[in-house]
Amino acid sequence: MPLSFKPDRAVYDPTRGVMRFFATDGPLLVNCAISKNALIVLDDGSLRGGGVLERIYERHRERIQALAERNYRLRKREKDGTIIVRRKDLTN
């Protein structure tokens, strides 16, 4: 069963330097995130203005969610269970 990403909105967590978003796998909640560095790479390395990370996420949401799902299926989890898309995942 594929992950269901809900809601489509993501929130930046400055304490961890990641954009957080959530999915479900049946009844299970799956905490996902993408690193700030990965977001910058997706936008060719150029940060401009407030809310830019959110806009980058929205422009690349489908790819980010596909990478998060791949990492989930490969069981690439942090110690706290979060699935994080990192810069290196963009080239794999």
N, C-alpha and C. Protein backbone atom coordinates (compact mmCIF):
# COMPACT_ATOMS: atom_id res chain seq x y z
N MET A 1 0.85 -1.17 0.00
CA MET A 1 0.00 0.00 0.00
C MET A 1 0.90 1.25 0.00
N PRO A 2 0.65 2.19 -0.91
CA PRO A 2 1.47 3.41 -0.93
C PRO A 2 1.14 4.32 0.25
N LEU A 3 2.12 5.15 0.61
CA LEU A 3 1.88 6.14 1.66
C LEU A 3 0.86 7.15 1.17
N SER A 4 0.06 7.65 2.09
CA SER A 4 -0.89 8.71 1.80
C SER A 4 -0.41 9.95 2.52
N PHE A 5 -0.03 10.99 1.77
CA PHE A 5 0.51 12.21 2.35
C PHE A 5 -0.61 13.18 2.67
N LYS A 6 -0.78 13.46 3.98
CA LYS A 6 -1.84 14.34 4.43
C LYS A 6 -1.37 15.10 5.64
N PRO A 7 -1.69 16.32 5.79
CA PRO A 7 -2.17 17.19 4.72
C PRO A 7 -1.03 17.52 3.78
N ASP A 8 -1.34 18.19 2.69
CA ASP A 8 -0.31 18.52 1.70
C ASP A 8 0.61 19.63 2.18
N ARG A 9 0.33 20.23 3.29
CA ARG A 9 1.13 21.34 3.81
C ARG A 9 2.31 20.83 4.63
N ALA A 10 3.42 21.57 4.54
CA ALA A 10 4.60 21.24 5.31
C ALA A 10 4.97 22.43 6.19
N VAL A 11 5.67 22.15 7.28
CA VAL A 11 6.05 23.19 8.24
C VAL A 11 7.55 23.10 8.51
N TYR A 12 8.23 24.25 8.48
CA TYR A 12 9.66 24.27 8.73
C TYR A 12 9.94 24.18 10.23
N ASP A 13 10.87 23.30 10.60
CA ASP A 13 11.30 23.12 11.98
C ASP A 13 12.74 23.61 12.09
N PRO A 14 12.93 24.86 12.57
CA PRO A 14 14.29 25.41 12.63
C PRO A 14 15.20 24.70 13.62
N THR A 15 14.63 24.02 14.61
CA THR A 15 15.49 23.34 15.59
C THR A 15 16.23 22.16 14.96
N ARG A 16 15.62 21.54 13.96
CA ARG A 16 16.28 20.41 13.28
C ARG A 16 16.74 20.75 11.87
N GLY A 17 16.35 21.93 11.38
CA GLY A 17 16.75 22.31 10.04
C GLY A 17 16.08 21.49 8.96
N VAL A 18 14.80 21.15 9.18
CA VAL A 18 14.05 20.34 8.22
C VAL A 18 12.65 20.90 8.01
N MET A 19 12.09 20.60 6.86
CA MET A 19 10.70 20.86 6.57
C MET A 19 9.95 19.58 6.89
N ARG A 20 9.00 19.66 7.83
CA ARG A 20 8.26 18.47 8.26
C ARG A 20 6.96 18.33 7.47
N PHE A 21 6.65 17.08 7.15
CA PHE A 21 5.36 16.74 6.54
C PHE A 21 4.99 15.34 6.99
N PHE A 22 3.76 14.97 6.79
CA PHE A 22 3.27 13.72 7.37
C PHE A 22 2.57 12.86 6.34
N ALA A 23 2.60 11.56 6.61
CA ALA A 23 1.93 10.58 5.76
C ALA A 23 1.31 9.52 6.66
N THR A 24 0.48 8.71 6.06
CA THR A 24 -0.05 7.55 6.77
C THR A 24 0.21 6.30 5.93
N ASP A 25 0.43 5.22 6.65
CA ASP A 25 0.55 3.89 6.05
C ASP A 25 -0.52 3.07 6.71
N GLY A 26 -1.70 3.04 6.07
CA GLY A 26 -2.85 2.44 6.74
C GLY A 26 -3.15 3.25 7.99
N PRO A 27 -3.19 2.60 9.16
CA PRO A 27 -3.48 3.33 10.39
C PRO A 27 -2.25 4.00 11.03
N LEU A 28 -1.07 3.76 10.48
CA LEU A 28 0.17 4.28 11.07
C LEU A 28 0.50 5.69 10.58
N LEU A 29 0.83 6.59 11.50
CA LEU A 29 1.31 7.92 11.15
C LEU A 29 2.81 7.83 10.87
N VAL A 30 3.24 8.41 9.75
CA VAL A 30 4.64 8.39 9.36
C VAL A 30 5.15 9.84 9.35
N ASN A 31 6.09 10.14 10.23
CA ASN A 31 6.69 11.48 10.28
C ASN A 31 7.78 11.55 9.22
N CYS A 32 7.66 12.56 8.35
CA CYS A 32 8.62 12.73 7.27
C CYS A 32 9.20 14.14 7.32
N ALA A 33 10.33 14.31 6.65
CA ALA A 33 10.96 15.62 6.59
C ALA A 33 11.93 15.64 5.42
N ILE A 34 12.27 16.87 5.01
CA ILE A 34 13.34 17.06 4.04
C ILE A 34 14.28 18.10 4.62
N SER A 35 15.58 17.84 4.50
CA SER A 35 16.56 18.75 5.08
C SER A 35 16.58 20.08 4.31
N LYS A 36 16.96 21.12 5.03
CA LYS A 36 17.09 22.44 4.41
C LYS A 36 18.09 22.39 3.27
N ASN A 37 19.19 21.67 3.46
CA ASN A 37 20.21 21.55 2.40
C ASN A 37 19.65 20.91 1.14
N ALA A 38 18.82 19.90 1.30
CA ALA A 38 18.20 19.25 0.14
C ALA A 38 17.26 20.22 -0.56
N LEU A 39 16.49 20.99 0.20
CA LEU A 39 15.59 21.97 -0.41
C LEU A 39 16.37 23.00 -1.22
N ILE A 40 17.49 23.46 -0.67
CA ILE A 40 18.31 24.46 -1.37
C ILE A 40 18.84 23.88 -2.68
N VAL A 41 19.27 22.62 -2.66
CA VAL A 41 19.77 21.98 -3.87
C VAL A 41 18.66 21.89 -4.92
N LEU A 42 17.45 21.57 -4.49
CA LEU A 42 16.32 21.49 -5.43
C LEU A 42 16.05 22.82 -6.12
N ASP A 43 16.39 23.91 -5.44
CA ASP A 43 16.15 25.24 -6.00
C ASP A 43 17.44 25.85 -6.53
N ASP A 44 18.37 25.00 -6.96
CA ASP A 44 19.64 25.43 -7.54
C ASP A 44 20.46 26.31 -6.61
N GLY A 45 20.31 26.13 -5.30
CA GLY A 45 21.16 26.80 -4.34
C GLY A 45 20.87 28.25 -4.06
N SER A 46 19.76 28.78 -4.55
CA SER A 46 19.50 30.21 -4.36
C SER A 46 18.32 30.44 -3.41
N LEU A 47 18.61 31.02 -2.25
CA LEU A 47 17.57 31.38 -1.29
C LEU A 47 17.19 32.84 -1.49
N ARG A 48 15.89 33.13 -1.56
CA ARG A 48 15.44 34.50 -1.76
C ARG A 48 14.17 34.75 -0.95
N GLY A 49 14.25 35.65 0.01
CA GLY A 49 13.06 36.13 0.71
C GLY A 49 12.45 35.16 1.71
N GLY A 50 11.49 35.69 2.48
CA GLY A 50 10.80 34.90 3.50
C GLY A 50 9.88 33.86 2.88
N GLY A 51 9.73 32.76 3.57
CA GLY A 51 8.84 31.69 3.12
C GLY A 51 9.37 30.91 1.93
N VAL A 52 10.64 31.12 1.59
CA VAL A 52 11.19 30.49 0.40
C VAL A 52 11.24 28.98 0.52
N LEU A 53 11.54 28.45 1.70
CA LEU A 53 11.61 26.98 1.85
C LEU A 53 10.26 26.34 1.61
N GLU A 54 9.20 26.99 2.07
CA GLU A 54 7.85 26.47 1.84
C GLU A 54 7.53 26.46 0.34
N ARG A 55 7.94 27.52 -0.36
CA ARG A 55 7.67 27.59 -1.80
C ARG A 55 8.47 26.52 -2.56
N ILE A 56 9.71 26.30 -2.14
CA ILE A 56 10.52 25.25 -2.78
C ILE A 56 9.85 23.90 -2.56
N TYR A 57 9.40 23.65 -1.32
CA TYR A 57 8.73 22.39 -1.02
C TYR A 57 7.51 22.21 -1.94
N GLU A 58 6.70 23.23 -2.05
CA GLU A 58 5.49 23.13 -2.87
C GLU A 58 5.81 22.86 -4.33
N ARG A 59 6.84 23.51 -4.86
CA ARG A 59 7.21 23.31 -6.27
C ARG A 59 7.69 21.89 -6.53
N HIS A 60 8.30 21.26 -5.53
CA HIS A 60 8.92 19.93 -5.71
C HIS A 60 8.23 18.86 -4.86
N ARG A 61 7.03 19.15 -4.41
CA ARG A 61 6.33 18.26 -3.46
C ARG A 61 6.24 16.81 -3.94
N GLU A 62 5.86 16.59 -5.18
CA GLU A 62 5.69 15.21 -5.67
C GLU A 62 7.01 14.43 -5.61
N ARG A 63 8.08 15.07 -6.03
CA ARG A 63 9.40 14.40 -5.99
C ARG A 63 9.82 14.13 -4.55
N ILE A 64 9.64 15.12 -3.67
CA ILE A 64 10.01 14.97 -2.26
C ILE A 64 9.23 13.83 -1.63
N GLN A 65 7.94 13.78 -1.89
CA GLN A 65 7.11 12.72 -1.31
C GLN A 65 7.50 11.36 -1.87
N ALA A 66 7.84 11.29 -3.14
CA ALA A 66 8.29 10.01 -3.73
C ALA A 66 9.59 9.55 -3.08
N LEU A 67 10.51 10.49 -2.84
CA LEU A 67 11.77 10.13 -2.17
C LEU A 67 11.53 9.69 -0.73
N ALA A 68 10.62 10.37 -0.04
CA ALA A 68 10.28 9.97 1.33
C ALA A 68 9.68 8.57 1.34
N GLU A 69 8.80 8.30 0.39
CA GLU A 69 8.20 6.96 0.32
C GLU A 69 9.27 5.91 0.04
N ARG A 70 10.20 6.20 -0.86
CA ARG A 70 11.29 5.26 -1.14
C ARG A 70 12.10 4.99 0.12
N ASN A 71 12.47 6.05 0.85
CA ASN A 71 13.24 5.88 2.08
C ASN A 71 12.44 5.07 3.12
N TYR A 72 11.15 5.29 3.17
CA TYR A 72 10.29 4.54 4.09
C TYR A 72 10.32 3.06 3.73
N ARG A 73 10.17 2.74 2.46
CA ARG A 73 10.17 1.34 2.02
C ARG A 73 11.54 0.69 2.27
N LEU A 74 12.61 1.50 2.17
CA LEU A 74 13.96 0.98 2.42
C LEU A 74 14.30 0.97 3.91
N ARG A 75 13.36 1.42 4.74
CA ARG A 75 13.52 1.48 6.19
C ARG A 75 14.65 2.42 6.61
N LYS A 76 14.85 3.48 5.85
CA LYS A 76 15.84 4.50 6.21
C LYS A 76 15.18 5.49 7.17
N ARG A 77 15.31 5.20 8.46
CA ARG A 77 14.67 6.01 9.48
C ARG A 77 15.72 6.57 10.45
N GLU A 78 15.39 7.74 11.01
CA GLU A 78 16.21 8.28 12.09
C GLU A 78 15.90 7.49 13.36
N LYS A 79 16.66 7.71 14.41
CA LYS A 79 16.41 7.00 15.67
C LYS A 79 15.01 7.23 16.21
N ASP A 80 14.46 8.44 15.95
CA ASP A 80 13.10 8.74 16.43
C ASP A 80 12.01 8.26 15.46
N GLY A 81 12.41 7.58 14.37
CA GLY A 81 11.45 7.04 13.42
C GLY A 81 11.14 7.95 12.24
N THR A 82 11.64 9.18 12.26
CA THR A 82 11.37 10.12 11.18
C THR A 82 12.07 9.68 9.89
N ILE A 83 11.37 9.82 8.78
CA ILE A 83 11.94 9.56 7.46
C ILE A 83 12.43 10.91 6.94
N ILE A 84 13.73 11.06 6.73
CA ILE A 84 14.26 12.34 6.27
C ILE A 84 14.86 12.18 4.87
N VAL A 85 14.42 13.04 3.96
CA VAL A 85 15.01 13.13 2.63
C VAL A 85 16.21 14.06 2.77
N ARG A 86 17.37 13.57 2.41
CA ARG A 86 18.61 14.34 2.52
C ARG A 86 19.15 14.64 1.12
N ARG A 87 20.11 15.54 1.09
CA ARG A 87 20.73 15.96 -0.16
C ARG A 87 21.19 14.77 -0.99
N LYS A 88 21.81 13.78 -0.34
CA LYS A 88 22.32 12.61 -1.08
C LYS A 88 21.20 11.80 -1.72
N ASP A 89 19.99 11.88 -1.19
CA ASP A 89 18.86 11.15 -1.77
C ASP A 89 18.45 11.72 -3.13
N LEU A 90 18.80 12.96 -3.39
CA LEU A 90 18.42 13.60 -4.65
C LEU A 90 19.18 13.06 -5.83
N THR A 91 20.34 12.45 -5.57
CA THR A 91 21.17 11.92 -6.66
C THR A 91 21.12 10.41 -6.74
N ASN A 92 20.48 9.74 -5.80
CA ASN A 92 20.40 8.27 -5.82
C ASN A 92 19.24 7.81 -6.68
